[in-house]
């Protein structure tokens, strides 16, 4: 089984709002390091965290995260 990290728009969305990683982390109740790891593709968010991110940005999960496979 090959695991592929999700590509994501988190850094762009955060920058559009002029939020630091620490500010975004506070809004999501995670560490700044967790935000950095997601933004850089080192780790994918859990499903509950992906839902929190989507709600925060008022977007669908699939509009923020992309696994690279399109139907």
N, C-alpha and C. Protein backbone atom coordinates (compact mmCIF):
# COMPACT_ATOMS: atom_id res chain seq x y z
N UNK A 1 0.84 -1.18 0.00
CA UNK A 1 0.00 0.00 0.00
C UNK A 1 0.89 1.24 0.00
N UNK A 2 0.59 2.16 -0.89
CA UNK A 2 1.35 3.41 -0.99
C UNK A 2 0.52 4.53 -0.39
N UNK A 3 1.11 5.25 0.54
CA UNK A 3 0.42 6.39 1.14
C UNK A 3 0.88 7.67 0.46
N UNK A 4 -0.07 8.48 0.06
CA UNK A 4 0.23 9.74 -0.60
C UNK A 4 -0.29 10.87 0.28
N UNK A 5 0.57 11.81 0.58
CA UNK A 5 0.15 12.95 1.40
C UNK A 5 -0.84 13.80 0.61
N UNK A 6 -1.80 14.33 1.32
CA UNK A 6 -2.78 15.22 0.70
C UNK A 6 -2.13 16.55 0.36
N UNK A 7 -2.41 17.05 -0.82
CA UNK A 7 -2.03 18.42 -1.14
C UNK A 7 -3.10 19.30 -0.52
N UNK A 8 -2.71 20.46 -0.05
CA UNK A 8 -3.72 21.29 0.58
C UNK A 8 -3.46 22.77 0.34
N UNK A 9 -4.51 23.55 0.57
CA UNK A 9 -4.48 25.00 0.37
C UNK A 9 -4.42 25.73 1.71
N UNK A 10 -4.10 25.04 2.78
CA UNK A 10 -4.17 25.63 4.11
C UNK A 10 -3.29 26.86 4.24
N UNK A 11 -2.06 26.79 3.77
CA UNK A 11 -1.15 27.94 3.90
C UNK A 11 -1.70 29.15 3.13
N UNK A 12 -2.23 28.92 1.95
CA UNK A 12 -2.79 30.01 1.14
C UNK A 12 -4.00 30.62 1.84
N UNK A 13 -4.89 29.78 2.34
CA UNK A 13 -6.09 30.27 3.02
C UNK A 13 -5.73 31.05 4.28
N UNK A 14 -4.74 30.56 5.00
CA UNK A 14 -4.28 31.25 6.21
C UNK A 14 -3.69 32.61 5.85
N UNK A 15 -2.86 32.64 4.82
CA UNK A 15 -2.21 33.89 4.40
C UNK A 15 -3.23 34.91 3.91
N UNK A 16 -4.27 34.45 3.23
CA UNK A 16 -5.31 35.37 2.75
C UNK A 16 -6.00 36.09 3.91
N UNK A 17 -5.99 35.48 5.07
CA UNK A 17 -6.61 36.08 6.25
C UNK A 17 -5.59 36.78 7.16
N UNK A 18 -4.34 36.74 6.72
CA UNK A 18 -3.25 37.36 7.48
C UNK A 18 -3.13 36.77 8.88
N UNK A 19 -3.32 35.45 8.98
CA UNK A 19 -3.17 34.74 10.24
C UNK A 19 -1.80 34.08 10.29
N UNK A 20 -1.19 34.10 11.45
CA UNK A 20 0.05 33.35 11.65
C UNK A 20 -0.33 31.88 11.87
N UNK A 21 0.68 31.02 11.81
CA UNK A 21 0.42 29.61 12.13
C UNK A 21 -0.11 29.48 13.55
N UNK A 22 0.42 30.29 14.46
CA UNK A 22 -0.02 30.23 15.85
C UNK A 22 -1.49 30.65 15.98
N UNK A 23 -1.89 31.69 15.23
CA UNK A 23 -3.29 32.13 15.28
C UNK A 23 -4.22 31.05 14.75
N UNK A 24 -3.85 30.44 13.63
CA UNK A 24 -4.67 29.37 13.07
C UNK A 24 -4.73 28.19 14.04
N UNK A 25 -3.60 27.86 14.63
CA UNK A 25 -3.56 26.76 15.60
C UNK A 25 -4.51 27.02 16.76
N UNK A 26 -4.53 28.25 17.26
CA UNK A 26 -5.43 28.60 18.35
C UNK A 26 -6.89 28.45 17.95
N UNK A 27 -7.22 28.86 16.74
CA UNK A 27 -8.60 28.75 16.25
C UNK A 27 -9.02 27.29 16.08
N UNK A 28 -8.05 26.42 15.82
CA UNK A 28 -8.34 25.00 15.60
C UNK A 28 -8.10 24.15 16.84
N UNK A 29 -7.54 24.75 17.89
CA UNK A 29 -7.21 24.04 19.12
C UNK A 29 -6.19 22.92 18.87
N UNK A 30 -5.15 23.27 18.11
CA UNK A 30 -4.03 22.36 17.87
C UNK A 30 -2.74 23.16 18.07
N UNK A 31 -1.61 22.50 18.02
CA UNK A 31 -0.33 23.20 18.18
C UNK A 31 0.08 23.88 16.87
N UNK A 32 0.95 24.86 16.98
CA UNK A 32 1.50 25.51 15.79
C UNK A 32 2.26 24.49 14.96
N UNK A 33 2.92 23.56 15.64
CA UNK A 33 3.68 22.52 14.94
C UNK A 33 2.76 21.64 14.10
N UNK A 34 1.55 21.38 14.60
CA UNK A 34 0.58 20.58 13.84
C UNK A 34 0.16 21.32 12.58
N UNK A 35 -0.08 22.62 12.69
CA UNK A 35 -0.43 23.42 11.51
C UNK A 35 0.71 23.37 10.50
N UNK A 36 1.93 23.55 10.97
CA UNK A 36 3.09 23.52 10.08
C UNK A 36 3.20 22.17 9.38
N UNK A 37 3.02 21.09 10.12
CA UNK A 37 3.14 19.75 9.54
C UNK A 37 2.07 19.50 8.48
N UNK A 38 0.87 20.02 8.69
CA UNK A 38 -0.19 19.86 7.69
C UNK A 38 0.12 20.72 6.47
N UNK A 39 0.51 21.97 6.70
CA UNK A 39 0.81 22.88 5.59
C UNK A 39 1.94 22.36 4.70
N UNK A 40 2.93 21.75 5.29
CA UNK A 40 4.08 21.27 4.53
C UNK A 40 3.90 19.85 4.00
N UNK A 41 2.78 19.23 4.31
CA UNK A 41 2.50 17.88 3.81
C UNK A 41 3.19 16.77 4.58
N UNK A 42 3.78 17.11 5.73
CA UNK A 42 4.44 16.07 6.53
C UNK A 42 3.42 15.16 7.20
N UNK A 43 2.25 15.72 7.52
CA UNK A 43 1.17 14.95 8.15
C UNK A 43 -0.15 15.39 7.56
N UNK A 44 -1.07 14.44 7.46
CA UNK A 44 -2.44 14.76 7.05
C UNK A 44 -3.28 14.95 8.30
N UNK A 45 -4.28 15.82 8.24
CA UNK A 45 -5.12 16.02 9.42
C UNK A 45 -6.03 14.82 9.66
N UNK A 46 -6.42 14.62 10.90
CA UNK A 46 -7.44 13.62 11.19
C UNK A 46 -8.75 14.09 10.54
N UNK A 47 -9.69 13.19 10.39
CA UNK A 47 -10.97 13.58 9.80
C UNK A 47 -11.68 14.65 10.64
N UNK A 48 -11.73 14.50 11.98
CA UNK A 48 -12.37 15.57 12.76
C UNK A 48 -11.67 16.92 12.59
N UNK A 49 -10.34 16.92 12.50
CA UNK A 49 -9.62 18.18 12.30
C UNK A 49 -9.89 18.74 10.90
N UNK A 50 -9.96 17.88 9.91
CA UNK A 50 -10.27 18.34 8.55
C UNK A 50 -11.64 19.01 8.52
N UNK A 51 -12.61 18.45 9.25
CA UNK A 51 -13.93 19.08 9.34
C UNK A 51 -13.85 20.44 10.03
N UNK A 52 -13.06 20.54 11.10
CA UNK A 52 -12.91 21.84 11.80
C UNK A 52 -12.28 22.87 10.88
N UNK A 53 -11.28 22.46 10.13
CA UNK A 53 -10.63 23.37 9.18
C UNK A 53 -11.63 23.84 8.14
N UNK A 54 -12.39 22.91 7.58
CA UNK A 54 -13.38 23.26 6.55
C UNK A 54 -14.42 24.22 7.10
N UNK A 55 -14.90 23.97 8.32
CA UNK A 55 -15.89 24.88 8.92
C UNK A 55 -15.29 26.26 9.16
N UNK A 56 -14.06 26.31 9.63
CA UNK A 56 -13.41 27.59 9.91
C UNK A 56 -13.32 28.44 8.65
N UNK A 57 -13.00 27.82 7.53
CA UNK A 57 -12.86 28.56 6.27
C UNK A 57 -14.14 28.57 5.44
N UNK A 58 -15.20 27.99 5.99
CA UNK A 58 -16.50 27.93 5.30
C UNK A 58 -16.35 27.34 3.90
N UNK A 59 -15.66 26.20 3.86
CA UNK A 59 -15.40 25.50 2.60
C UNK A 59 -15.65 24.01 2.80
N UNK A 60 -15.73 23.29 1.70
CA UNK A 60 -15.81 21.84 1.77
C UNK A 60 -14.39 21.28 1.96
N UNK A 61 -14.30 20.15 2.63
CA UNK A 61 -13.00 19.52 2.86
C UNK A 61 -12.26 19.33 1.54
N UNK A 62 -12.98 18.85 0.52
CA UNK A 62 -12.32 18.57 -0.76
C UNK A 62 -11.89 19.83 -1.50
N UNK A 63 -12.37 21.00 -1.07
CA UNK A 63 -11.90 22.25 -1.65
C UNK A 63 -10.61 22.73 -1.00
N UNK A 64 -10.27 22.14 0.13
CA UNK A 64 -9.04 22.50 0.85
C UNK A 64 -7.97 21.43 0.65
N UNK A 65 -8.38 20.18 0.71
CA UNK A 65 -7.45 19.05 0.61
C UNK A 65 -7.71 18.26 -0.66
N UNK A 66 -6.63 17.84 -1.32
CA UNK A 66 -6.73 17.12 -2.59
C UNK A 66 -5.77 15.94 -2.56
N UNK A 67 -6.31 14.75 -2.80
CA UNK A 67 -5.46 13.56 -2.82
C UNK A 67 -4.83 13.32 -4.18
N UNK A 68 -5.11 14.19 -5.14
CA UNK A 68 -4.52 14.08 -6.46
C UNK A 68 -5.26 13.16 -7.40
N UNK A 69 -6.30 12.49 -6.91
CA UNK A 69 -7.10 11.60 -7.75
C UNK A 69 -8.40 12.28 -8.08
N UNK A 70 -8.65 12.45 -9.37
CA UNK A 70 -9.89 13.08 -9.81
C UNK A 70 -10.72 12.06 -10.57
N UNK A 71 -12.00 12.00 -10.24
CA UNK A 71 -12.90 11.05 -10.92
C UNK A 71 -13.33 11.59 -12.27
